[in-house]
N, C-alpha and C. Protein backbone atom coordinates (compact mmCIF):
# COMPACT_ATOMS: atom_id res chain seq x y z
N ALA A 1 -16.99 2.62 -17.15
CA ALA A 1 -17.32 3.90 -16.55
C ALA A 1 -16.91 3.94 -15.08
N VAL A 2 -16.90 2.79 -14.44
CA VAL A 2 -16.55 2.76 -13.02
C VAL A 2 -15.05 2.53 -12.82
N THR A 3 -14.51 1.61 -13.60
CA THR A 3 -13.13 1.22 -13.34
C THR A 3 -12.09 2.18 -13.91
N LEU A 4 -12.43 2.94 -14.94
CA LEU A 4 -11.45 3.86 -15.52
C LEU A 4 -11.01 4.95 -14.54
N PRO A 5 -11.93 5.63 -13.85
CA PRO A 5 -11.46 6.62 -12.86
C PRO A 5 -10.69 5.97 -11.71
N LEU A 6 -11.10 4.75 -11.32
CA LEU A 6 -10.37 4.06 -10.26
C LEU A 6 -8.97 3.67 -10.71
N ALA A 7 -8.83 3.28 -11.97
CA ALA A 7 -7.51 2.95 -12.51
C ALA A 7 -6.61 4.18 -12.56
N ALA A 8 -7.17 5.32 -12.93
CA ALA A 8 -6.40 6.56 -12.95
C ALA A 8 -5.98 6.95 -11.53
N HIS A 9 -6.90 6.79 -10.58
CA HIS A 9 -6.59 7.09 -9.18
C HIS A 9 -5.50 6.16 -8.66
N GLN A 10 -5.59 4.88 -9.02
CA GLN A 10 -4.60 3.91 -8.59
C GLN A 10 -3.21 4.24 -9.16
N SER A 11 -3.16 4.61 -10.41
CA SER A 11 -1.86 4.93 -11.00
C SER A 11 -1.26 6.19 -10.36
N ARG A 12 -2.10 7.16 -10.01
CA ARG A 12 -1.62 8.35 -9.32
C ARG A 12 -1.05 8.00 -7.94
N LEU A 13 -1.76 7.12 -7.22
CA LEU A 13 -1.29 6.71 -5.90
C LEU A 13 0.02 5.94 -6.00
N LEU A 14 0.13 5.05 -6.97
CA LEU A 14 1.35 4.28 -7.14
C LEU A 14 2.53 5.20 -7.49
N ALA A 15 2.27 6.24 -8.26
CA ALA A 15 3.33 7.19 -8.59
C ALA A 15 3.77 7.95 -7.33
N LYS A 16 2.81 8.33 -6.49
CA LYS A 16 3.16 9.01 -5.24
C LYS A 16 3.99 8.10 -4.34
N LEU A 17 3.58 6.83 -4.26
CA LEU A 17 4.32 5.88 -3.43
C LEU A 17 5.74 5.69 -3.97
N GLU A 18 5.87 5.61 -5.27
CA GLU A 18 7.19 5.45 -5.88
C GLU A 18 8.06 6.68 -5.62
N ASN A 19 7.48 7.85 -5.63
CA ASN A 19 8.23 9.08 -5.38
C ASN A 19 8.65 9.20 -3.91
N LEU A 20 7.95 8.50 -3.02
CA LEU A 20 8.30 8.54 -1.60
C LEU A 20 9.50 7.64 -1.26
N GLN A 21 9.79 6.67 -2.10
CA GLN A 21 10.82 5.68 -1.77
C GLN A 21 12.19 6.28 -1.48
N PRO A 22 12.70 7.23 -2.29
CA PRO A 22 14.01 7.81 -1.93
C PRO A 22 14.01 8.52 -0.58
N GLU A 23 12.92 9.20 -0.27
CA GLU A 23 12.82 9.89 1.02
C GLU A 23 12.79 8.89 2.17
N ILE A 24 12.06 7.79 1.97
CA ILE A 24 12.00 6.75 3.00
C ILE A 24 13.38 6.14 3.20
N LYS A 25 14.10 5.94 2.10
CA LYS A 25 15.44 5.35 2.20
C LYS A 25 16.38 6.25 3.00
N THR A 26 16.37 7.55 2.72
CA THR A 26 17.26 8.46 3.46
C THR A 26 16.87 8.55 4.93
N LEU A 27 15.57 8.58 5.20
CA LEU A 27 15.12 8.63 6.59
C LEU A 27 15.48 7.34 7.32
N ALA A 28 15.41 6.20 6.64
CA ALA A 28 15.76 4.93 7.26
C ALA A 28 17.25 4.87 7.59
N GLU A 29 18.08 5.39 6.70
CA GLU A 29 19.52 5.41 6.98
C GLU A 29 19.84 6.30 8.18
N ARG A 30 19.21 7.46 8.24
CA ARG A 30 19.44 8.35 9.37
C ARG A 30 18.93 7.73 10.67
N LEU A 31 17.76 7.08 10.60
CA LEU A 31 17.20 6.44 11.78
C LEU A 31 18.08 5.28 12.23
N ARG A 32 18.62 4.53 11.28
CA ARG A 32 19.51 3.41 11.64
C ARG A 32 20.72 3.93 12.42
N TYR A 33 21.26 5.05 11.96
CA TYR A 33 22.41 5.65 12.66
C TYR A 33 22.01 6.11 14.06
N GLU A 34 20.88 6.79 14.17
CA GLU A 34 20.43 7.30 15.47
C GLU A 34 20.15 6.16 16.45
N VAL A 35 19.55 5.07 15.95
CA VAL A 35 19.24 3.94 16.82
C VAL A 35 20.53 3.25 17.26
N SER A 36 21.49 3.16 16.35
CA SER A 36 22.75 2.51 16.75
C SER A 36 23.48 3.34 17.80
N VAL A 37 23.48 4.66 17.65
CA VAL A 37 24.12 5.52 18.65
C VAL A 37 23.40 5.41 19.99
N ARG A 38 22.08 5.49 19.93
CA ARG A 38 21.29 5.41 21.17
C ARG A 38 21.43 4.03 21.81
N GLY A 39 21.50 2.99 20.98
CA GLY A 39 21.67 1.64 21.51
C GLY A 39 22.99 1.46 22.22
N LYS A 40 24.04 2.06 21.66
CA LYS A 40 25.35 1.95 22.32
C LYS A 40 25.37 2.74 23.63
N GLN A 41 24.65 3.86 23.66
CA GLN A 41 24.59 4.65 24.89
C GLN A 41 23.88 3.89 26.01
N LEU A 42 22.79 3.22 25.65
CA LEU A 42 21.97 2.52 26.65
C LEU A 42 22.32 1.05 26.79
N GLY A 43 23.23 0.54 25.95
CA GLY A 43 23.63 -0.86 26.04
C GLY A 43 22.57 -1.83 25.54
N TRP A 44 21.86 -1.46 24.50
CA TRP A 44 20.83 -2.34 23.94
C TRP A 44 21.48 -3.51 23.21
N SER A 45 20.78 -4.64 23.22
CA SER A 45 21.22 -5.77 22.40
C SER A 45 20.79 -5.52 20.96
N GLU A 46 21.26 -6.36 20.06
CA GLU A 46 20.91 -6.22 18.64
C GLU A 46 19.41 -6.37 18.43
N LYS A 47 18.79 -7.28 19.17
CA LYS A 47 17.36 -7.53 19.03
C LYS A 47 16.54 -6.31 19.47
N VAL A 48 16.92 -5.71 20.57
CA VAL A 48 16.21 -4.52 21.07
C VAL A 48 16.39 -3.35 20.11
N ALA A 49 17.62 -3.17 19.60
CA ALA A 49 17.87 -2.08 18.65
C ALA A 49 17.04 -2.27 17.39
N ARG A 50 16.97 -3.52 16.89
CA ARG A 50 16.18 -3.80 15.69
C ARG A 50 14.70 -3.53 15.94
N PHE A 51 14.21 -3.88 17.14
CA PHE A 51 12.81 -3.62 17.49
C PHE A 51 12.52 -2.12 17.46
N HIS A 52 13.38 -1.32 18.07
CA HIS A 52 13.16 0.13 18.10
C HIS A 52 13.28 0.74 16.70
N PHE A 53 14.20 0.22 15.90
CA PHE A 53 14.34 0.72 14.53
C PHE A 53 13.06 0.45 13.73
N LYS A 54 12.56 -0.78 13.79
CA LYS A 54 11.35 -1.13 13.02
C LYS A 54 10.15 -0.33 13.50
N LYS A 55 10.02 -0.17 14.82
CA LYS A 55 8.89 0.57 15.37
C LYS A 55 8.91 2.02 14.91
N ASN A 56 10.06 2.66 15.00
CA ASN A 56 10.16 4.06 14.59
C ASN A 56 10.07 4.23 13.09
N LEU A 57 10.63 3.29 12.32
CA LEU A 57 10.51 3.39 10.87
C LEU A 57 9.06 3.25 10.43
N ARG A 58 8.32 2.35 11.06
CA ARG A 58 6.90 2.18 10.75
C ARG A 58 6.14 3.47 11.04
N ARG A 59 6.47 4.13 12.15
CA ARG A 59 5.82 5.39 12.50
C ARG A 59 6.15 6.48 11.48
N ILE A 60 7.40 6.57 11.08
CA ILE A 60 7.82 7.58 10.11
C ILE A 60 7.15 7.36 8.76
N VAL A 61 7.11 6.11 8.31
CA VAL A 61 6.49 5.80 7.02
C VAL A 61 4.99 6.10 7.06
N THR A 62 4.35 5.78 8.18
CA THR A 62 2.92 6.09 8.31
C THR A 62 2.69 7.59 8.26
N GLU A 63 3.55 8.36 8.89
CA GLU A 63 3.41 9.82 8.83
C GLU A 63 3.59 10.34 7.41
N LEU A 64 4.50 9.74 6.65
CA LEU A 64 4.68 10.14 5.26
C LEU A 64 3.45 9.80 4.42
N TYR A 65 2.87 8.63 4.67
CA TYR A 65 1.65 8.25 3.94
C TYR A 65 0.51 9.21 4.25
N ILE A 66 0.41 9.61 5.51
CA ILE A 66 -0.64 10.56 5.90
C ILE A 66 -0.37 11.92 5.28
N ARG A 67 0.90 12.35 5.29
CA ARG A 67 1.25 13.66 4.73
C ARG A 67 0.90 13.73 3.24
N ASP A 68 1.22 12.67 2.49
CA ASP A 68 0.97 12.68 1.05
C ASP A 68 -0.36 12.05 0.65
N ASN A 69 -1.11 11.54 1.62
CA ASN A 69 -2.42 10.92 1.38
C ASN A 69 -2.31 9.82 0.32
N CYS A 70 -1.40 8.87 0.57
CA CYS A 70 -1.20 7.81 -0.42
C CYS A 70 -0.93 6.47 0.24
N HIS A 71 -1.83 6.02 1.08
CA HIS A 71 -1.65 4.73 1.73
C HIS A 71 -1.70 3.61 0.68
N PRO A 72 -0.84 2.61 0.77
CA PRO A 72 -0.81 1.55 -0.25
C PRO A 72 -2.12 0.78 -0.37
N PHE A 73 -2.90 0.70 0.70
CA PHE A 73 -4.16 -0.03 0.62
C PHE A 73 -5.15 0.64 -0.34
N LYS A 74 -5.03 1.96 -0.49
CA LYS A 74 -5.92 2.66 -1.42
C LYS A 74 -5.68 2.23 -2.86
N ALA A 75 -4.49 1.72 -3.15
CA ALA A 75 -4.19 1.27 -4.51
C ALA A 75 -4.88 -0.05 -4.83
N THR A 76 -5.44 -0.73 -3.83
CA THR A 76 -6.12 -2.01 -4.08
C THR A 76 -7.62 -1.84 -4.30
N VAL A 77 -8.11 -0.62 -4.25
CA VAL A 77 -9.55 -0.39 -4.40
C VAL A 77 -10.04 -0.88 -5.76
N LEU A 78 -9.25 -0.70 -6.79
CA LEU A 78 -9.65 -1.14 -8.13
C LEU A 78 -9.92 -2.64 -8.15
N VAL A 79 -9.06 -3.42 -7.51
CA VAL A 79 -9.25 -4.87 -7.48
C VAL A 79 -10.53 -5.23 -6.73
N TRP A 80 -10.78 -4.53 -5.62
CA TRP A 80 -11.97 -4.84 -4.82
C TRP A 80 -13.26 -4.44 -5.53
N VAL A 81 -13.17 -3.56 -6.50
CA VAL A 81 -14.34 -3.20 -7.30
C VAL A 81 -14.46 -4.12 -8.51
N GLN A 82 -13.33 -4.46 -9.13
CA GLN A 82 -13.37 -5.27 -10.35
C GLN A 82 -13.83 -6.70 -10.10
N ILE A 83 -13.43 -7.30 -9.00
CA ILE A 83 -13.80 -8.71 -8.75
C ILE A 83 -15.31 -8.88 -8.65
N PRO A 84 -16.04 -8.11 -7.82
CA PRO A 84 -17.50 -8.29 -7.80
C PRO A 84 -18.16 -7.94 -9.13
N MET A 85 -17.62 -6.93 -9.82
CA MET A 85 -18.18 -6.59 -11.14
C MET A 85 -17.99 -7.74 -12.11
N TRP A 86 -16.81 -8.36 -12.10
CA TRP A 86 -16.54 -9.48 -12.99
C TRP A 86 -17.47 -10.65 -12.69
N VAL A 87 -17.70 -10.93 -11.41
CA VAL A 87 -18.60 -12.02 -11.03
C VAL A 87 -20.03 -11.71 -11.49
N CYS A 88 -20.49 -10.49 -11.27
CA CYS A 88 -21.85 -10.12 -11.67
C CYS A 88 -22.02 -10.17 -13.19
N VAL A 89 -21.05 -9.65 -13.92
CA VAL A 89 -21.15 -9.67 -15.39
C VAL A 89 -21.10 -11.09 -15.91
N SER A 90 -20.23 -11.93 -15.36
CA SER A 90 -20.16 -13.30 -15.84
C SER A 90 -21.44 -14.07 -15.53
N LEU A 91 -22.02 -13.82 -14.35
CA LEU A 91 -23.31 -14.46 -14.03
C LEU A 91 -24.42 -13.96 -14.94
N ALA A 92 -24.41 -12.67 -15.23
CA ALA A 92 -25.44 -12.12 -16.13
C ALA A 92 -25.30 -12.69 -17.53
N LEU A 93 -24.08 -12.78 -18.02
CA LEU A 93 -23.88 -13.36 -19.35
C LEU A 93 -24.24 -14.84 -19.38
N ARG A 94 -23.93 -15.54 -18.30
CA ARG A 94 -24.31 -16.96 -18.24
C ARG A 94 -25.83 -17.10 -18.25
N ASN A 95 -26.53 -16.27 -17.49
CA ASN A 95 -27.99 -16.33 -17.45
C ASN A 95 -28.59 -15.95 -18.80
N CYS A 96 -27.97 -15.00 -19.50
CA CYS A 96 -28.45 -14.62 -20.83
C CYS A 96 -28.27 -15.76 -21.81
N SER A 97 -27.15 -16.44 -21.75
CA SER A 97 -26.90 -17.52 -22.71
C SER A 97 -27.77 -18.74 -22.39
N VAL A 98 -28.04 -19.00 -21.12
CA VAL A 98 -28.93 -20.11 -20.76
C VAL A 98 -30.33 -19.82 -21.24
N GLY A 99 -30.78 -18.57 -21.10
CA GLY A 99 -32.11 -18.19 -21.56
C GLY A 99 -32.22 -18.27 -23.06
N ALA A 100 -31.16 -17.96 -23.79
CA ALA A 100 -31.18 -17.96 -25.25
C ALA A 100 -31.23 -19.38 -25.78
N THR A 101 -30.54 -20.31 -25.15
CA THR A 101 -30.54 -21.69 -25.65
C THR A 101 -31.82 -22.40 -25.29
N GLY A 102 -32.50 -21.99 -24.27
CA GLY A 102 -33.74 -22.64 -23.85
C GLY A 102 -34.92 -22.27 -24.74
N SER A 103 -34.85 -21.15 -25.46
CA SER A 103 -36.02 -20.73 -26.23
C SER A 103 -35.92 -21.11 -27.64
């Protein structure tokens, strides 16, 4: 009852993330071109250009996640709910079986 809606939510989020990948790829290619042009204008080294590319790409991807409301961390909620439930159920079953053999 708890994990089924979370699994459906997780699959929806993963589908949204998968649908964002082509857009991220095109934006990354355009950003790579813009950074290379700007780097040549300002005389940046390869390391500085790579730093600016990664910084701006991270910002763009974060804006896309916010726009579509699909941060990848939200897809891990199911795991964070299932692990404590599994521990509690296994402890409960162990306690039930210990009580049954003792009587």
